[in-house]
Protein backbone atom coordinates (compact mmCIF):
# COMPACT_ATOMS: atom_id res chain seq x y z
CA MET A 1 -21.93 4.01 -47.66
CA ASN A 2 -25.44 3.18 -48.87
CA LYS A 3 -28.29 2.19 -46.59
CA PHE A 4 -27.88 -1.54 -47.26
CA LEU A 5 -24.19 -1.49 -46.41
CA ARG A 6 -24.82 0.47 -43.21
CA ILE A 7 -27.40 -2.12 -42.08
CA PHE A 8 -25.04 -4.96 -42.95
CA ALA A 9 -22.21 -3.38 -40.97
CA LEU A 10 -24.50 -2.94 -37.97
CA LEU A 11 -25.62 -6.55 -38.13
CA SER A 12 -21.99 -7.65 -38.30
CA MET A 13 -21.18 -5.74 -35.12
CA VAL A 14 -23.98 -7.38 -33.16
CA GLY A 15 -23.15 -10.83 -34.44
CA PHE A 16 -25.87 -11.63 -36.98
CA SER A 17 -23.70 -11.81 -40.08
CA SER A 18 -22.92 -15.50 -39.59
CA LEU A 19 -26.27 -16.97 -40.57
CA THR A 20 -24.60 -19.51 -42.84
CA ILE A 21 -23.42 -21.50 -39.86
CA TYR A 22 -25.02 -19.96 -36.80
CA GLY A 23 -28.50 -21.30 -37.35
CA ASN A 24 -28.45 -22.99 -40.79
CA GLU A 25 -31.01 -20.55 -42.18
CA THR A 26 -29.36 -20.44 -45.62
CA ASP A 27 -28.24 -22.89 -48.27
CA ASN A 28 -24.80 -21.31 -48.61
CA ASP A 29 -22.92 -23.56 -46.18
CA THR A 30 -19.54 -24.68 -47.49
CA ASP A 31 -16.93 -27.08 -46.19
CA SER A 32 -14.83 -24.08 -45.23
CA ASP A 33 -17.42 -23.25 -42.55
CA LYS A 34 -16.87 -26.55 -40.78
CA ILE A 35 -15.08 -26.39 -37.45
CA LYS A 36 -13.17 -29.51 -36.48
CA ASN A 37 -11.23 -28.28 -33.45
CA VAL A 38 -12.14 -25.88 -30.67
CA ILE A 39 -9.46 -24.48 -28.35
CA LEU A 40 -10.74 -22.41 -25.42
CA ILE A 41 -8.07 -20.51 -23.50
CA ILE A 42 -9.07 -18.99 -20.17
CA GLY A 43 -6.94 -16.46 -18.35
CA ASP A 44 -8.19 -16.73 -14.79
CA GLY A 45 -8.59 -13.22 -13.38
CA MET A 46 -7.53 -11.68 -16.71
CA GLY A 47 -9.57 -8.53 -17.11
CA PRO A 48 -8.94 -5.85 -19.75
CA ALA A 49 -6.43 -4.11 -17.46
CA GLN A 50 -4.40 -7.30 -17.08
CA VAL A 51 -4.22 -7.52 -20.87
CA GLY A 52 -3.36 -3.82 -20.81
CA LEU A 53 -0.45 -4.48 -18.43
CA LEU A 54 1.02 -6.93 -20.93
CA GLU A 55 0.43 -4.56 -23.83
CA ALA A 56 1.96 -1.60 -21.98
CA TYR A 57 5.05 -3.65 -21.13
CA ALA A 58 5.44 -4.85 -24.73
CA ARG A 59 4.95 -1.42 -26.27
CA GLN A 60 6.51 0.97 -23.73
CA SER A 61 9.14 -0.91 -21.73
CA LYS A 62 12.73 0.16 -22.36
CA THR A 63 14.01 -3.42 -22.67
CA PRO A 64 11.04 -5.79 -23.14
CA VAL A 65 11.58 -9.54 -23.37
CA LEU A 66 9.12 -9.43 -26.27
CA LYS A 67 11.63 -8.26 -28.86
CA THR A 68 9.02 -7.60 -31.55
CA ARG A 69 6.92 -5.60 -29.08
CA THR A 70 3.91 -7.49 -30.40
CA THR A 71 1.83 -9.54 -27.98
CA ALA A 72 -0.05 -12.68 -28.94
CA PHE A 73 -3.29 -10.74 -28.42
CA LYS A 74 -2.30 -8.08 -30.95
CA ARG A 75 -1.04 -10.79 -33.29
CA MET A 76 -4.35 -12.62 -33.03
CA MET A 77 -6.19 -9.48 -34.11
CA ASN A 78 -3.66 -8.70 -36.85
CA GLU A 79 -4.17 -12.18 -38.28
CA GLY A 80 -7.93 -11.92 -38.66
CA GLY A 81 -9.18 -12.37 -35.12
CA VAL A 82 -12.24 -10.57 -33.78
CA LEU A 83 -13.03 -8.99 -30.44
CA GLY A 84 -16.10 -9.11 -28.24
CA VAL A 85 -16.99 -8.27 -24.64
CA SER A 86 -18.67 -10.46 -22.05
CA MET A 87 -20.23 -9.93 -18.63
CA THR A 88 -19.12 -12.55 -16.13
CA TYR A 89 -21.65 -12.33 -13.28
CA ALA A 90 -23.14 -15.53 -11.86
CA ALA A 91 -26.84 -16.31 -11.44
CA ASN A 92 -28.68 -13.67 -9.38
CA VAL A 93 -25.52 -12.03 -8.03
CA LEU A 94 -23.30 -9.18 -9.17
CA VAL A 95 -19.94 -10.96 -9.06
CA THR A 96 -18.79 -14.46 -9.93
CA ASP A 97 -16.19 -16.89 -8.73
CA SER A 98 -14.17 -19.14 -11.01
CA ALA A 99 -16.42 -22.15 -10.48
CA ALA A 100 -19.63 -20.46 -11.60
CA SER A 101 -17.97 -18.57 -14.41
CA ALA A 102 -16.22 -21.62 -15.85
CA THR A 103 -19.44 -23.59 -15.47
CA GLN A 104 -21.32 -20.94 -17.46
CA LEU A 105 -18.69 -21.16 -20.19
CA ALA A 106 -18.78 -24.95 -20.11
CA ILE A 107 -22.54 -25.57 -20.13
CA GLY A 108 -23.87 -22.34 -21.65
CA LYS A 109 -26.32 -21.73 -18.81
CA PRO A 110 -26.38 -19.51 -15.70
CA ALA A 111 -24.82 -21.03 -12.58
CA LYS A 112 -24.60 -20.11 -8.91
CA PRO A 113 -21.32 -19.16 -7.23
CA GLU A 114 -19.02 -21.98 -6.12
CA THR A 115 -20.95 -24.72 -7.95
CA ILE A 116 -19.34 -27.05 -10.47
CA GLY A 117 -20.99 -28.20 -13.69
CA VAL A 118 -24.58 -27.59 -12.64
CA ASP A 119 -27.11 -24.96 -13.70
CA SER A 120 -28.65 -22.35 -11.39
CA GLN A 121 -31.30 -24.85 -10.28
CA GLY A 122 -28.73 -27.46 -9.32
CA TYR A 123 -29.21 -29.80 -12.29
CA PRO A 124 -26.11 -31.41 -13.83
CA ARG A 125 -25.62 -30.24 -17.40
CA GLU A 126 -23.47 -31.62 -20.19
CA SER A 127 -20.42 -29.47 -20.78
CA VAL A 128 -18.93 -28.61 -24.14
CA LEU A 129 -16.23 -31.19 -23.38
CA VAL A 130 -18.77 -33.96 -22.84
CA ILE A 131 -20.68 -32.93 -25.96
CA ALA A 132 -17.44 -33.04 -27.96
CA LYS A 133 -16.69 -36.48 -26.56
CA LYS A 134 -20.12 -37.75 -27.65
CA MET A 135 -19.42 -36.39 -31.12
CA GLY A 136 -16.38 -38.64 -31.31
CA LYS A 137 -13.87 -35.86 -30.75
CA ALA A 138 -10.81 -36.09 -28.54
CA THR A 139 -10.93 -33.91 -25.42
CA GLY A 140 -8.39 -32.35 -23.11
CA LEU A 141 -7.86 -30.12 -20.09
CA VAL A 142 -4.64 -28.23 -19.31
CA SER A 143 -4.07 -25.95 -16.30
CA ASP A 144 -1.20 -24.58 -14.25
CA VAL A 145 -3.12 -24.85 -10.98
CA ARG A 146 -4.81 -28.16 -10.04
CA ILE A 147 -6.75 -30.31 -12.49
CA THR A 148 -9.50 -30.52 -9.84
CA HIS A 149 -9.54 -26.75 -9.35
CA SER A 150 -12.63 -24.77 -10.32
CA THR A 151 -11.94 -23.96 -13.96
CA PRO A 152 -10.97 -27.39 -15.33
CA ALA A 153 -13.42 -29.09 -12.95
CA ALA A 154 -16.38 -27.23 -14.47
CA PHE A 155 -15.79 -28.98 -17.80
CA ALA A 156 -15.70 -32.55 -16.45
CA ALA A 157 -17.48 -32.73 -13.09
CA HIS A 158 -20.80 -32.05 -11.34
CA GLN A 159 -20.53 -31.05 -7.69
CA PRO A 160 -22.45 -28.74 -5.30
CA HIS A 161 -19.25 -26.98 -4.22
CA ARG A 162 -15.84 -26.29 -5.69
CA SER A 163 -14.07 -27.40 -2.51
CA LEU A 164 -15.05 -31.05 -3.08
CA GLU A 165 -11.89 -31.76 -5.04
CA ASN A 166 -11.67 -35.42 -4.02
CA GLU A 167 -15.14 -35.97 -5.46
CA ILE A 168 -14.27 -33.83 -8.48
CA ALA A 169 -11.32 -36.12 -9.21
CA LEU A 170 -13.71 -39.10 -9.30
CA ASP A 171 -16.05 -37.24 -11.64
CA MET A 172 -13.21 -36.29 -13.95
CA LEU A 173 -12.01 -39.86 -14.14
CA ALA A 174 -15.55 -40.98 -14.93
CA THR A 175 -15.91 -38.31 -17.63
CA GLY A 176 -12.58 -39.37 -19.07
CA PRO A 177 -11.01 -36.50 -21.02
CA ASP A 178 -8.31 -38.01 -23.21
CA VAL A 179 -5.65 -35.65 -21.89
CA MET A 180 -5.44 -34.05 -18.44
CA LEU A 181 -2.24 -32.14 -17.64
CA SER A 182 -1.95 -30.06 -14.48
CA GLY A 183 -1.15 -30.23 -10.78
CA GLY A 184 -3.08 -31.58 -7.81
CA LEU A 185 -1.63 -35.07 -7.25
CA ARG A 186 -2.85 -34.87 -3.66
CA HIS A 187 -6.46 -35.58 -4.67
CA TRP A 188 -5.61 -38.70 -6.68
CA ILE A 189 -3.65 -40.77 -4.17
CA PRO A 190 -4.88 -42.78 -1.17
CA GLU A 191 -4.69 -41.52 2.38
CA GLN A 192 -2.14 -44.20 3.21
CA ALA A 193 0.36 -42.37 1.02
CA ASN A 194 0.90 -40.04 3.98
CA ASP A 195 2.58 -42.91 5.84
CA HIS A 196 6.18 -42.76 4.66
CA SER A 197 6.72 -46.38 5.65
CA SER A 198 3.83 -47.63 3.53
CA ALA A 199 4.20 -49.54 0.29
CA ILE A 200 2.11 -47.00 -1.61
CA TYR A 201 4.36 -44.15 -0.46
CA LYS A 202 7.42 -45.97 -1.74
CA GLN A 203 5.67 -46.86 -4.98
CA LEU A 204 4.60 -43.25 -5.58
CA SER A 205 8.09 -41.96 -4.76
CA GLN A 206 9.45 -44.24 -7.46
CA MET A 207 6.73 -43.38 -9.98
CA THR A 208 7.28 -39.66 -9.54
CA ASP A 209 11.08 -39.98 -9.67
CA GLY A 210 11.14 -38.27 -6.28
CA ALA A 211 10.20 -35.00 -7.95
CA ILE A 212 7.01 -34.30 -5.99
CA ASN A 213 6.78 -33.78 -2.24
CA PHE A 214 3.31 -35.31 -2.12
CA ASN A 215 0.72 -35.74 0.60
CA SER A 216 -2.78 -37.08 0.15
CA LYS A 217 -5.88 -34.98 0.78
CA ARG A 218 -8.15 -37.99 0.46
CA SER A 219 -9.81 -39.67 3.44
CA ASP A 220 -10.12 -43.06 1.76
CA GLU A 221 -7.82 -45.62 0.22
CA ARG A 222 -8.84 -45.17 -3.40
CA ASN A 223 -5.86 -44.96 -5.68
CA LEU A 224 -7.17 -42.99 -8.63
CA LEU A 225 -3.86 -43.34 -10.44
CA SER A 226 -4.32 -47.10 -10.61
CA GLU A 227 -7.92 -46.62 -11.71
CA ALA A 228 -6.73 -44.23 -14.43
CA GLN A 229 -4.22 -46.80 -15.67
CA GLN A 230 -6.98 -49.39 -15.82
CA GLN A 231 -8.90 -46.99 -18.05
CA GLY A 232 -5.98 -46.75 -20.44
CA TYR A 233 -4.27 -43.60 -19.22
CA GLN A 234 -0.51 -43.29 -19.45
CA LEU A 235 0.78 -41.44 -16.37
CA ALA A 236 3.35 -38.66 -16.19
CA PHE A 237 4.71 -36.85 -13.14
CA THR A 238 7.70 -35.01 -14.62
CA ASN A 239 8.36 -33.06 -17.79
CA LYS A 240 10.68 -35.82 -19.04
CA GLN A 241 7.99 -38.45 -18.48
CA MET A 242 5.47 -36.28 -20.32
CA GLN A 243 7.81 -35.70 -23.24
CA LYS A 244 8.47 -39.45 -23.53
CA ALA A 245 4.77 -40.03 -24.17
CA ASN A 246 4.75 -40.39 -27.95
CA ALA A 247 2.06 -38.04 -29.27
CA LYS A 248 1.33 -40.34 -32.21
CA GLU A 249 0.96 -43.46 -30.09
CA THR A 250 -0.52 -42.12 -26.83
CA GLU A 251 -4.30 -41.97 -26.76
CA LYS A 252 -4.85 -41.02 -23.10
CA LEU A 253 -2.47 -39.15 -20.84
CA LEU A 254 -2.85 -38.04 -17.22
CA GLY A 255 -0.05 -35.75 -16.09
CA LEU A 256 0.05 -34.52 -12.50
CA PHE A 257 3.27 -32.60 -11.97
CA THR A 258 2.82 -30.99 -8.55
CA ASN A 259 1.09 -31.83 -5.31
CA SER A 260 -1.03 -28.68 -5.56
CA ALA A 261 -0.60 -25.75 -7.96
CA PHE A 262 2.40 -24.93 -10.14
CA PRO A 263 5.15 -22.51 -9.08
CA ASP A 264 4.56 -18.89 -10.02
CA ALA A 265 5.83 -17.57 -13.34
CA ILE A 266 8.84 -15.78 -11.83
CA ILE A 267 10.12 -19.15 -10.64
CA THR A 268 9.19 -20.74 -13.96
CA ASP A 269 11.15 -18.09 -15.87
CA ARG A 270 14.15 -18.47 -13.59
CA ASP A 271 14.23 -22.27 -13.95
CA ARG A 272 13.31 -22.44 -17.65
CA ASN A 273 16.75 -23.61 -18.81
CA ASN A 274 17.55 -25.70 -15.75
CA PRO A 275 18.24 -29.27 -16.96
CA GLU A 276 16.94 -30.54 -13.61
CA ARG A 277 13.56 -28.87 -14.06
CA THR A 278 10.76 -31.41 -13.57
CA ILE A 279 7.65 -29.25 -13.99
CA PRO A 280 6.57 -28.50 -17.58
CA THR A 281 5.57 -25.02 -18.65
CA LEU A 282 2.03 -24.20 -19.71
CA LYS A 283 3.25 -24.02 -23.30
CA GLU A 284 4.89 -27.45 -23.05
CA MET A 285 1.73 -29.02 -21.66
CA THR A 286 -0.32 -27.33 -24.38
CA SER A 287 2.02 -28.63 -27.07
CA LYS A 288 1.82 -32.19 -25.76
CA ALA A 289 -1.97 -32.05 -25.42
CA ILE A 290 -2.50 -30.79 -28.96
CA GLY A 291 -0.03 -33.32 -30.32
CA ILE A 292 -2.09 -36.16 -28.85
CA LEU A 293 -5.57 -34.77 -29.49
CA ASP A 294 -4.84 -33.90 -33.11
CA ASN A 295 -4.57 -37.61 -33.94
CA ASN A 296 -8.36 -37.88 -33.80
CA ASP A 297 -9.84 -37.61 -37.31
CA GLN A 298 -13.02 -36.09 -35.85
CA GLY A 299 -11.12 -33.25 -34.23
CA PHE A 300 -10.86 -32.19 -30.61
CA PHE A 301 -11.92 -29.83 -27.84
CA LEU A 302 -9.20 -28.46 -25.56
CA MET A 303 -9.52 -26.07 -22.61
CA ILE A 304 -6.31 -24.39 -21.47
CA GLU A 305 -6.24 -22.38 -18.25
CA SER A 306 -3.58 -19.87 -17.27
CA GLY A 307 -4.76 -19.90 -13.69
CA LEU A 308 -2.05 -18.13 -11.74
CA ILE A 309 -2.85 -14.70 -13.18
CA ASP A 310 -5.72 -14.76 -10.71
CA TRP A 311 -3.57 -15.82 -7.79
CA ALA A 312 -1.12 -12.97 -8.35
CA ALA A 313 -3.97 -10.49 -8.70
CA HIS A 314 -5.62 -11.68 -5.48
CA TYR A 315 -2.45 -10.60 -3.68
CA ASN A 316 -2.13 -7.39 -5.73
CA ASP A 317 1.29 -8.58 -6.87
CA THR A 318 1.87 -6.59 -10.07
CA GLY A 319 5.31 -8.00 -10.87
CA THR A 320 4.22 -11.62 -10.61
CA MET A 321 1.05 -10.86 -12.54
CA LEU A 322 3.11 -9.45 -15.42
CA HIS A 323 5.15 -12.65 -15.53
CA GLU A 324 1.92 -14.68 -15.53
CA MET A 325 0.62 -12.63 -18.45
CA LEU A 326 3.87 -13.31 -20.31
CA LYS A 327 3.28 -17.02 -19.69
CA MET A 328 -0.20 -16.67 -21.17
CA ASN A 329 1.33 -14.78 -24.09
CA GLU A 330 3.85 -17.56 -24.76
CA THR A 331 1.15 -20.22 -24.70
CA LEU A 332 -1.21 -18.29 -26.95
CA ASN A 333 1.58 -17.68 -29.44
CA TYR A 334 2.20 -21.42 -29.62
CA VAL A 335 -1.49 -22.11 -30.26
CA LEU A 336 -1.57 -19.45 -32.99
CA ASP A 337 1.53 -20.97 -34.59
CA TRP A 338 -0.06 -24.42 -34.58
CA ALA A 339 -3.36 -23.20 -36.02
CA ASN A 340 -1.75 -20.95 -38.64
CA GLY A 341 -3.39 -21.48 -42.01
CA ARG A 342 -6.12 -23.77 -40.65
CA ASP A 343 -9.77 -22.93 -41.29
CA ASP A 344 -10.98 -25.92 -39.29
CA THR A 345 -10.00 -24.58 -35.86
CA LEU A 346 -11.73 -22.05 -33.63
CA ILE A 347 -9.62 -20.39 -30.94
CA VAL A 348 -11.42 -18.44 -28.22
CA VAL A 349 -9.47 -16.55 -25.55
CA THR A 350 -11.25 -14.96 -22.62
CA ALA A 351 -11.28 -14.70 -18.82
CA ASP A 352 -13.60 -16.13 -16.22
CA HIS A 353 -13.55 -12.76 -14.42
CA GLU A 354 -11.30 -9.86 -13.49
CA THR A 355 -9.41 -9.97 -10.19
CA GLY A 356 -8.22 -7.09 -8.04
CA GLY A 357 -9.61 -4.07 -9.84
CA PHE A 358 -6.15 -3.45 -11.25
CA GLY A 359 -5.03 -0.47 -13.32
CA PHE A 360 -2.31 2.05 -13.97
CA SER A 361 -3.09 5.52 -12.66
CA TYR A 362 -1.52 8.91 -12.04
CA SER A 363 -0.85 10.59 -8.71
CA GLY A 364 0.31 13.81 -7.11
CA ALA A 365 3.52 12.22 -5.83
CA ASP A 366 6.96 12.77 -7.39
CA ILE A 367 5.73 15.22 -10.03
CA PRO A 368 8.37 15.43 -12.81
CA GLU A 369 10.63 18.45 -13.12
CA PRO A 370 9.82 21.02 -15.84
CA GLU A 371 11.09 20.00 -19.28
CA ASP A 372 12.22 22.12 -22.23
CA LEU A 373 10.59 21.16 -25.54
CA PRO A 374 11.71 22.33 -29.00
CA GLY A 375 8.20 23.02 -30.29
CA SER A 376 7.15 26.62 -30.91
CA VAL A 377 4.29 26.41 -28.42
CA PHE A 378 6.86 26.06 -25.64
CA LYS A 379 9.18 28.81 -26.87
CA ASN A 380 8.64 30.93 -23.79
CA ARG A 381 7.83 28.32 -21.17
CA SER A 382 8.75 24.82 -20.00
CA TYR A 383 6.50 21.81 -20.24
CA THR A 384 5.07 20.96 -16.81
CA THR A 385 2.30 18.76 -15.48
CA ASN A 386 0.17 18.91 -12.37
CA PHE A 387 0.43 15.16 -11.83
CA ASN A 388 2.82 12.23 -12.16
CA PHE A 389 1.34 10.26 -15.06
CA GLY A 390 3.68 7.30 -14.62
CA PRO A 391 7.18 7.05 -16.08
CA THR A 392 7.56 4.15 -18.49
CA ASN A 393 10.67 2.85 -16.68
CA VAL A 394 8.23 1.60 -14.05
CA LEU A 395 7.39 -1.25 -16.45
CA ASP A 396 10.98 -2.53 -16.44
CA LYS A 397 11.13 -2.30 -12.66
CA ILE A 398 7.90 -4.27 -12.35
CA TYR A 399 9.30 -7.00 -14.60
CA GLN A 400 12.58 -7.15 -12.66
CA GLN A 401 10.92 -8.44 -9.48
CA LYS A 402 12.90 -11.47 -8.27
CA LEU A 403 10.37 -13.16 -5.98
CA SER A 404 6.59 -13.15 -5.81
CA TYR A 405 4.99 -11.63 -2.76
CA THR A 406 4.00 -15.14 -1.71
CA GLU A 407 7.63 -16.27 -1.80
CA ILE A 408 8.78 -13.13 0.03
CA PHE A 409 6.55 -13.90 2.99
CA SER A 410 6.09 -17.68 3.11
CA ARG A 411 9.51 -18.81 1.86
CA LYS A 412 11.69 -16.01 3.23
CA PHE A 413 10.25 -13.99 6.10
CA ASP A 414 8.20 -16.77 7.70
CA GLN A 415 11.24 -19.07 7.76
CA LEU A 416 13.10 -16.75 10.11
CA ASN A 417 13.29 -17.43 13.82
CA ALA A 418 10.72 -15.59 15.92
CA GLU A 419 13.23 -13.03 17.21
CA GLN A 420 14.38 -12.33 13.65
CA LYS A 421 10.93 -11.48 12.31
CA THR A 422 11.37 -7.74 12.60
CA PRO A 423 10.29 -4.88 10.33
CA ALA A 424 13.96 -4.35 9.48
CA ALA A 425 14.26 -7.97 8.32
CA LEU A 426 11.13 -7.71 6.19
CA MET A 427 12.35 -4.44 4.69
CA ALA A 428 15.63 -6.08 3.71
CA ILE A 429 13.92 -9.06 2.05
CA ILE A 430 11.54 -6.85 0.08
CA ASN A 431 14.26 -4.44 -1.00
CA GLN A 432 16.49 -7.30 -2.14
CA ASN A 433 13.80 -8.86 -4.29
CA THR A 434 11.84 -5.94 -5.76
CA GLU A 435 12.78 -2.65 -7.41
CA PHE A 436 10.45 -0.67 -5.14
CA ASP A 437 12.18 -0.17 -1.80
CA ILE A 438 10.19 0.29 1.38
CA THR A 439 11.22 1.80 4.70
CA GLU A 440 11.33 0.11 8.07
CA GLN A 441 8.27 2.14 9.04
CA GLN A 442 6.38 0.79 6.04
CA ALA A 443 7.45 -2.74 6.93
CA ALA A 444 6.10 -2.20 10.44
CA ARG A 445 2.73 -1.15 9.03
CA ILE A 446 2.60 -4.32 6.92
CA LEU A 447 3.27 -6.47 10.00
CA GLU A 448 0.95 -4.64 12.37
CA THR A 449 -1.98 -6.74 13.63
CA GLU A 450 -5.06 -6.04 15.69
CA ASP A 451 -4.97 -6.76 19.39
CA ASN A 452 -7.99 -9.04 19.29
CA PRO A 453 -9.01 -11.83 16.93
CA TYR A 454 -11.42 -10.76 14.25
CA TYR A 455 -14.67 -12.70 14.07
CA VAL A 456 -16.68 -13.00 10.92
CA GLN A 457 -20.27 -13.47 11.93
CA GLY A 458 -22.05 -16.44 10.40
CA HIS A 459 -19.01 -17.94 8.68
CA LYS A 460 -17.48 -20.68 10.82
CA SER A 461 -14.54 -21.29 8.53
CA LEU A 462 -13.38 -17.69 8.95
CA SER A 463 -14.09 -17.20 12.63
CA ALA A 464 -11.45 -16.50 15.26
CA ARG A 465 -8.77 -15.68 12.72
CA ARG A 466 -6.18 -13.02 13.36
CA VAL A 467 -6.20 -10.31 10.73
CA PRO A 468 -3.38 -7.94 9.80
CA ARG A 469 -4.44 -4.34 10.29
CA ILE A 470 -6.45 -2.51 7.68
CA ASP A 471 -8.06 0.74 8.70
CA ALA A 472 -11.84 0.76 8.37
CA ASN A 473 -11.74 3.74 6.03
CA ASP A 474 -9.54 1.83 3.56
CA ALA A 475 -12.68 -0.08 2.45
CA PHE A 476 -10.42 -2.81 1.14
CA PHE A 477 -11.68 -6.29 0.34
CA VAL A 478 -9.03 -8.98 0.70
CA TYR A 479 -8.72 -12.58 -0.45
CA HIS A 480 -7.52 -14.32 2.72
CA LEU A 481 -8.71 -12.68 5.91
CA ASP A 482 -6.08 -14.55 7.91
CA ASP A 483 -3.15 -13.21 5.89
CA ASN A 484 -3.27 -10.06 3.82
CA ARG A 485 0.33 -8.94 4.31
CA GLN A 486 0.84 -9.22 0.56
CA ASN A 487 -2.04 -6.83 -0.09
CA LEU A 488 -0.63 -4.43 2.49
CA LEU A 489 2.76 -4.54 0.75
CA ALA A 490 1.00 -3.67 -2.50
CA ILE A 491 -0.56 -0.61 -0.85
CA GLU A 492 2.84 0.61 0.32
CA VAL A 493 4.45 0.45 -3.15
CA ALA A 494 1.42 1.28 -5.31
CA THR A 495 2.20 4.98 -5.80
CA ARG A 496 5.74 4.33 -7.02
CA GLN A 497 4.45 1.61 -9.35
CA SER A 498 1.81 4.03 -10.71
CA VAL A 499 -0.64 1.23 -9.92
CA VAL A 500 -4.03 1.09 -8.23
CA TRP A 501 -5.86 -1.96 -6.90
CA SER A 502 -9.48 -1.64 -5.79
CA ASN A 503 -9.51 -4.90 -3.80
CA GLY A 504 -8.00 -8.35 -3.40
CA THR A 505 -10.98 -10.28 -4.74
CA HIS A 506 -13.00 -10.46 -7.95
CA THR A 507 -14.78 -7.62 -9.70
CA ALA A 508 -17.73 -7.55 -12.09
CA SER A 509 -15.69 -5.88 -14.80
CA PRO A 510 -16.61 -7.08 -18.31
CA VAL A 511 -13.87 -9.15 -19.92
CA LEU A 512 -12.55 -9.35 -23.46
CA VAL A 513 -13.34 -12.21 -25.84
CA PHE A 514 -10.83 -12.83 -28.62
CA ALA A 515 -11.83 -15.29 -31.35
CA LYS A 516 -9.95 -16.55 -34.39
CA GLY A 517 -11.08 -18.94 -37.09
CA ASN A 518 -12.82 -18.62 -40.42
CA GLU A 519 -14.95 -15.50 -40.77
CA GLN A 520 -18.25 -17.38 -40.66
CA VAL A 521 -17.67 -18.81 -37.18
CA THR A 522 -16.02 -15.80 -35.56
CA ALA A 523 -18.70 -13.25 -36.49
CA PRO A 524 -21.05 -14.26 -33.61
CA PHE A 525 -18.37 -13.27 -31.09
CA VAL A 526 -18.32 -9.61 -32.17
CA GLN A 527 -20.88 -8.41 -29.67
CA PHE A 528 -21.58 -7.60 -26.04
CA MET A 529 -22.71 -10.80 -24.32
CA GLY A 530 -22.75 -12.74 -21.06
CA HIS A 531 -20.76 -15.85 -20.24
CA PRO A 532 -23.70 -18.27 -20.55
CA GLU A 533 -24.30 -16.87 -24.04
CA LEU A 534 -20.60 -17.15 -24.85
CA GLY A 535 -20.69 -20.80 -23.78
CA GLN A 536 -23.73 -21.37 -26.00
CA LYS A 537 -21.93 -19.89 -28.99
CA ILE A 538 -18.95 -22.21 -28.56
CA ILE A 539 -21.19 -25.27 -28.19
CA LYS A 540 -23.31 -24.34 -31.19
CA ILE A 541 -20.38 -23.69 -33.49
CA MET A 542 -18.76 -26.99 -32.50
CA THR A 543 -21.96 -28.97 -33.01
CA ASP A 544 -23.07 -27.27 -36.26
CA GLN A 545 -21.16 -29.65 -38.48
CA LYS A 546 -22.20 -31.63 -41.53
């Protein structure tokens, strides 16, 4: 390779090979450089190890559900995609939350933790969605948590704190994305809906076909559903209602399919072919959104969030997290199918942060028996190892989990009568629903609590809460201080899963950035960046049009 080629290759790796569109410094722009549609897919909590879990299952499982053993991520790269890396930290801190990270992706500027749609100084900033809307493009948000939750909210709201979901709903309605499909009905209906004898309760029961056990979280009588209809939105509360919305005729669609977040992916997989299923899958929502948005001649911007990866990781629930990654895989495959052969569409897949410090690891437990190998090197001795490096059949066992840890505790164990809530009962529930049996002694450790309430100094919302036991030397950060039984279960089965978790919260691990489109627009993503910079790249590529 000559000197010129070496320099060119280096520039390509750091993202400077795309001068034709990323700065307009040359006269070589062509129509093929023009990007009409931008699809941003965010795996909440999806660090490199979460992607690695999916890849390991696809490649090494004995009986994977992915028959080709090729994930959508590998396919994306095989079909011309590029790969970059991004740091996720928020302004002036080491770690981010979803609100700040999504805000940084949405506005292309640093943001403080737990803020929505504002920069690090507290000023509201236009998001990529709003910019696309001003360009005449159609816009959409899809999520399997709540539409007012941190990630989708960052693209269509401006609030000082992520918890202000009632206010976020008002902001989102004012911003007016053409398509919003998710959960979170509770923030869109008036307080009076909690009165089962009220007219609004009866009206909502009829509108939702009785499919949603709703309760309002609002403290006023604003009916945002009525306001949405006045703004031209068609409403959907079930999968059938959503599917009836003709993609060619519907311009604006608001779909709210659950009171809060969606069921976990294990439940989704189990109910997939149930004719009575009312909640659409992430793929189905994505398909409907693209079908509507693609009618706009100017193109569209769509953000899709696979949000429950994060929720599973917070609880260190490896089996559920694998199912969530398979859901992400299914959705990404659909998007790749739709965009196949199109040079006018940019697809970016990344994460807002990593959750849990997850990874596969080896241990000194259950070291395999010596093995005879036919190779000449082992003619006079058996093959042995000093550690258990993780048998691949663990992957199948992880996938075969029948209930999430959340369901095991909240829907099974917690529904027992007080006298029935014994370690033996918990052991039975866990052993019936996972492939990693625990003993009664282990169940007792999971249920053990401190004698006195635990007080968190200076944080009123967390004070006087009872905390399940974690020894001080475990140095283990947990998501919910008032209930970390799920994390404790994860500790008990971790060795047999060949899994390690460093915590139950977020980490500062860099995340992967996959990009696919024409070569001119994807080149800037092949570098090590930060999330504000990543957001800037997406905005610039979308706005650099003739």
